[in-house]
Protein backbone atom coordinates (compact mmCIF):
# COMPACT_ATOMS: atom_id res chain seq x y z
CA MET A 1 34.54 -8.45 9.69
CA LEU A 2 32.18 -10.90 8.00
CA HIS A 3 29.82 -9.65 5.35
CA ALA A 4 26.25 -10.93 5.13
CA ARG A 5 27.12 -12.65 1.85
CA ASP A 6 29.89 -14.67 3.51
CA MET A 7 27.56 -15.70 6.33
CA VAL A 8 24.96 -16.80 3.78
CA ARG A 9 27.51 -18.89 1.90
CA ALA A 10 28.58 -20.54 5.14
CA TRP A 11 24.95 -21.23 6.11
CA ALA A 12 24.14 -22.61 2.66
CA THR A 13 27.13 -24.93 2.79
CA ASP A 14 26.22 -26.12 6.28
CA TYR A 15 22.64 -26.93 5.35
CA ASN A 16 23.38 -28.04 1.78
CA GLU A 17 20.85 -25.63 0.27
CA GLU A 18 21.15 -23.47 -2.77
CA LEU A 19 20.70 -19.81 -1.87
CA LYS A 20 21.30 -16.64 -3.87
CA TRP A 21 22.03 -13.15 -2.65
CA SER A 22 19.88 -10.42 -4.18
CA GLN A 23 21.77 -7.17 -4.83
CA GLU A 24 18.54 -5.19 -5.27
CA ILE A 25 17.00 -5.93 -1.90
CA GLY A 26 20.03 -7.19 0.00
CA GLN A 27 18.39 -10.41 1.10
CA VAL A 28 18.79 -14.10 0.59
CA ALA A 29 16.37 -16.07 -1.54
CA LYS A 30 16.03 -19.83 -1.88
CA VAL A 31 16.35 -21.15 -5.39
CA TYR A 32 14.28 -24.18 -6.29
CA PRO A 33 15.57 -25.58 -9.60
CA GLU A 34 12.58 -27.89 -10.12
CA PRO A 35 9.11 -27.85 -8.60
CA LEU A 36 8.90 -29.36 -5.17
CA GLU A 37 7.62 -32.89 -5.20
CA GLY A 38 4.09 -33.29 -3.89
CA TYR A 39 3.22 -29.59 -4.21
CA GLU A 40 0.99 -28.62 -7.08
CA MET A 41 -0.81 -25.37 -7.71
CA ALA A 42 -4.55 -25.73 -7.32
CA LYS A 43 -6.57 -24.49 -10.26
CA ARG A 44 -8.79 -21.54 -9.56
CA ARG A 45 -12.46 -22.46 -9.44
CA LYS A 46 -14.97 -20.38 -11.37
CA PHE A 47 -18.56 -20.24 -10.17
CA THR A 48 -21.55 -19.50 -12.37
CA ASP A 49 -23.85 -16.58 -11.64
CA GLN A 50 -26.71 -18.99 -10.92
CA PHE A 51 -24.61 -20.83 -8.32
CA LYS A 52 -23.60 -17.55 -6.63
CA ALA A 53 -27.24 -16.40 -6.56
CA LYS A 54 -28.39 -19.72 -5.10
CA VAL A 55 -25.78 -19.56 -2.32
CA ALA A 56 -26.50 -15.88 -1.63
CA LEU A 57 -30.26 -16.52 -1.39
CA GLU A 58 -29.65 -19.40 0.97
CA ALA A 59 -27.53 -17.08 3.14
CA LEU A 60 -30.19 -14.35 3.02
CA ARG A 61 -32.89 -16.76 4.20
CA GLY A 62 -31.06 -17.09 7.51
CA ASP A 63 -32.22 -20.59 8.41
CA LYS A 64 -28.62 -21.90 8.27
CA THR A 65 -25.37 -20.36 9.40
CA ILE A 66 -22.78 -19.08 6.93
CA GLN A 67 -20.47 -21.94 7.99
CA GLU A 68 -23.13 -24.56 7.26
CA ILE A 69 -23.86 -23.08 3.84
CA ALA A 70 -20.15 -22.87 3.01
CA ALA A 71 -19.56 -26.49 4.04
CA ARG A 72 -22.56 -27.70 2.05
CA HIS A 73 -21.44 -25.96 -1.14
CA GLN A 74 -17.69 -26.49 -0.52
CA VAL A 75 -16.72 -22.81 -0.59
CA HIS A 76 -15.04 -20.58 1.96
CA PRO A 77 -17.34 -18.79 4.44
CA ASN A 78 -15.85 -15.43 3.43
CA GLN A 79 -16.97 -16.13 -0.15
CA VAL A 80 -20.54 -16.81 1.01
CA SER A 81 -20.54 -13.55 2.97
CA ALA A 82 -19.19 -11.62 -0.02
CA TRP A 83 -21.87 -13.03 -2.34
CA LYS A 84 -24.55 -12.24 0.25
CA ARG A 85 -23.28 -8.64 0.52
CA GLN A 86 -23.24 -8.28 -3.29
CA ALA A 87 -26.81 -9.56 -3.47
CA VAL A 88 -28.01 -7.06 -0.88
CA ASP A 89 -26.12 -4.18 -2.56
CA GLY A 90 -27.50 -5.05 -6.00
CA MET A 91 -31.07 -5.59 -4.87
CA ALA A 92 -32.00 -1.92 -5.19
CA ASP A 93 -30.94 -1.93 -8.84
CA VAL A 94 -33.32 -4.78 -9.62
CA PHE A 95 -36.32 -2.81 -8.41
CA ALA A 96 -35.14 0.50 -9.90
CA ARG A 97 -34.85 -1.03 -13.38
CA GLY A 98 -38.32 -2.59 -13.12
CA SER A 99 -40.08 0.75 -12.67
CA ARG A 100 -38.80 2.43 -15.82
CA PRO A 101 -37.83 1.08 -19.25
CA GLU A 102 -34.16 0.60 -20.14
CA GLY A 103 -34.03 2.94 -23.15
CA PRO A 104 -36.14 5.55 -24.91
CA SER A 105 -39.60 4.46 -26.05
CA GLU A 106 -40.65 4.18 -29.71
CA ALA A 107 -42.52 7.49 -29.54
CA GLU A 108 -39.47 9.30 -28.18
CA VAL A 109 -37.28 7.85 -30.93
CA LYS A 110 -39.72 8.98 -33.66
CA GLU A 111 -39.97 12.45 -32.13
CA LEU A 112 -36.19 12.79 -31.96
CA HIS A 113 -35.75 11.63 -35.58
CA ALA A 114 -38.29 14.25 -36.73
CA LYS A 115 -36.47 16.94 -34.76
CA ILE A 116 -33.13 15.91 -36.32
CA GLY A 117 -34.71 16.18 -39.78
CA ARG A 118 -36.09 19.68 -39.08
CA LEU A 119 -32.75 20.86 -37.70
CA ALA A 120 -30.89 19.45 -40.73
CA VAL A 121 -33.22 21.37 -43.11
CA GLU A 122 -32.80 24.58 -41.10
CA ASN A 123 -29.03 24.14 -41.07
CA ASP A 124 -28.91 23.65 -44.86
CA PHE A 125 -31.16 26.67 -45.43
CA LEU A 126 -29.11 28.95 -43.18
CA SER A 127 -25.75 27.79 -44.55
CA ALA A 128 -27.02 28.45 -48.13
CA GLY A 129 -28.08 31.98 -47.07
CA LEU A 130 -24.64 32.71 -45.61
CA LYS A 131 -22.85 31.68 -48.81
CA ARG A 132 -24.52 34.49 -50.86
């Protein structure tokens, strides 16, 4: 009875390829000693926020199709759709932040500092009374 390893060795010898048997998964894997000629990894492109916003706004306008926008800006149509969806999802946050300030106002900060001071004095007074 032939084992899978023996069949792999015979196949590798017939086709003059270097193959290795993996004990962990029980499968054959090709081994490439050096990178294949003519094949290079493409570098990942990074897009600025302004570029994404520009493309998303163009998609939201609706005067061109997603495919036309993607071809014009040399990106994948799925990327244009994703940026458009992110723009629509984040739009509510833009208007929510505009109606109220980001942090506490100056008056609230002063009031809270005064309250902290009063509580610190009360705490010192009461802790001194307990020590007697």
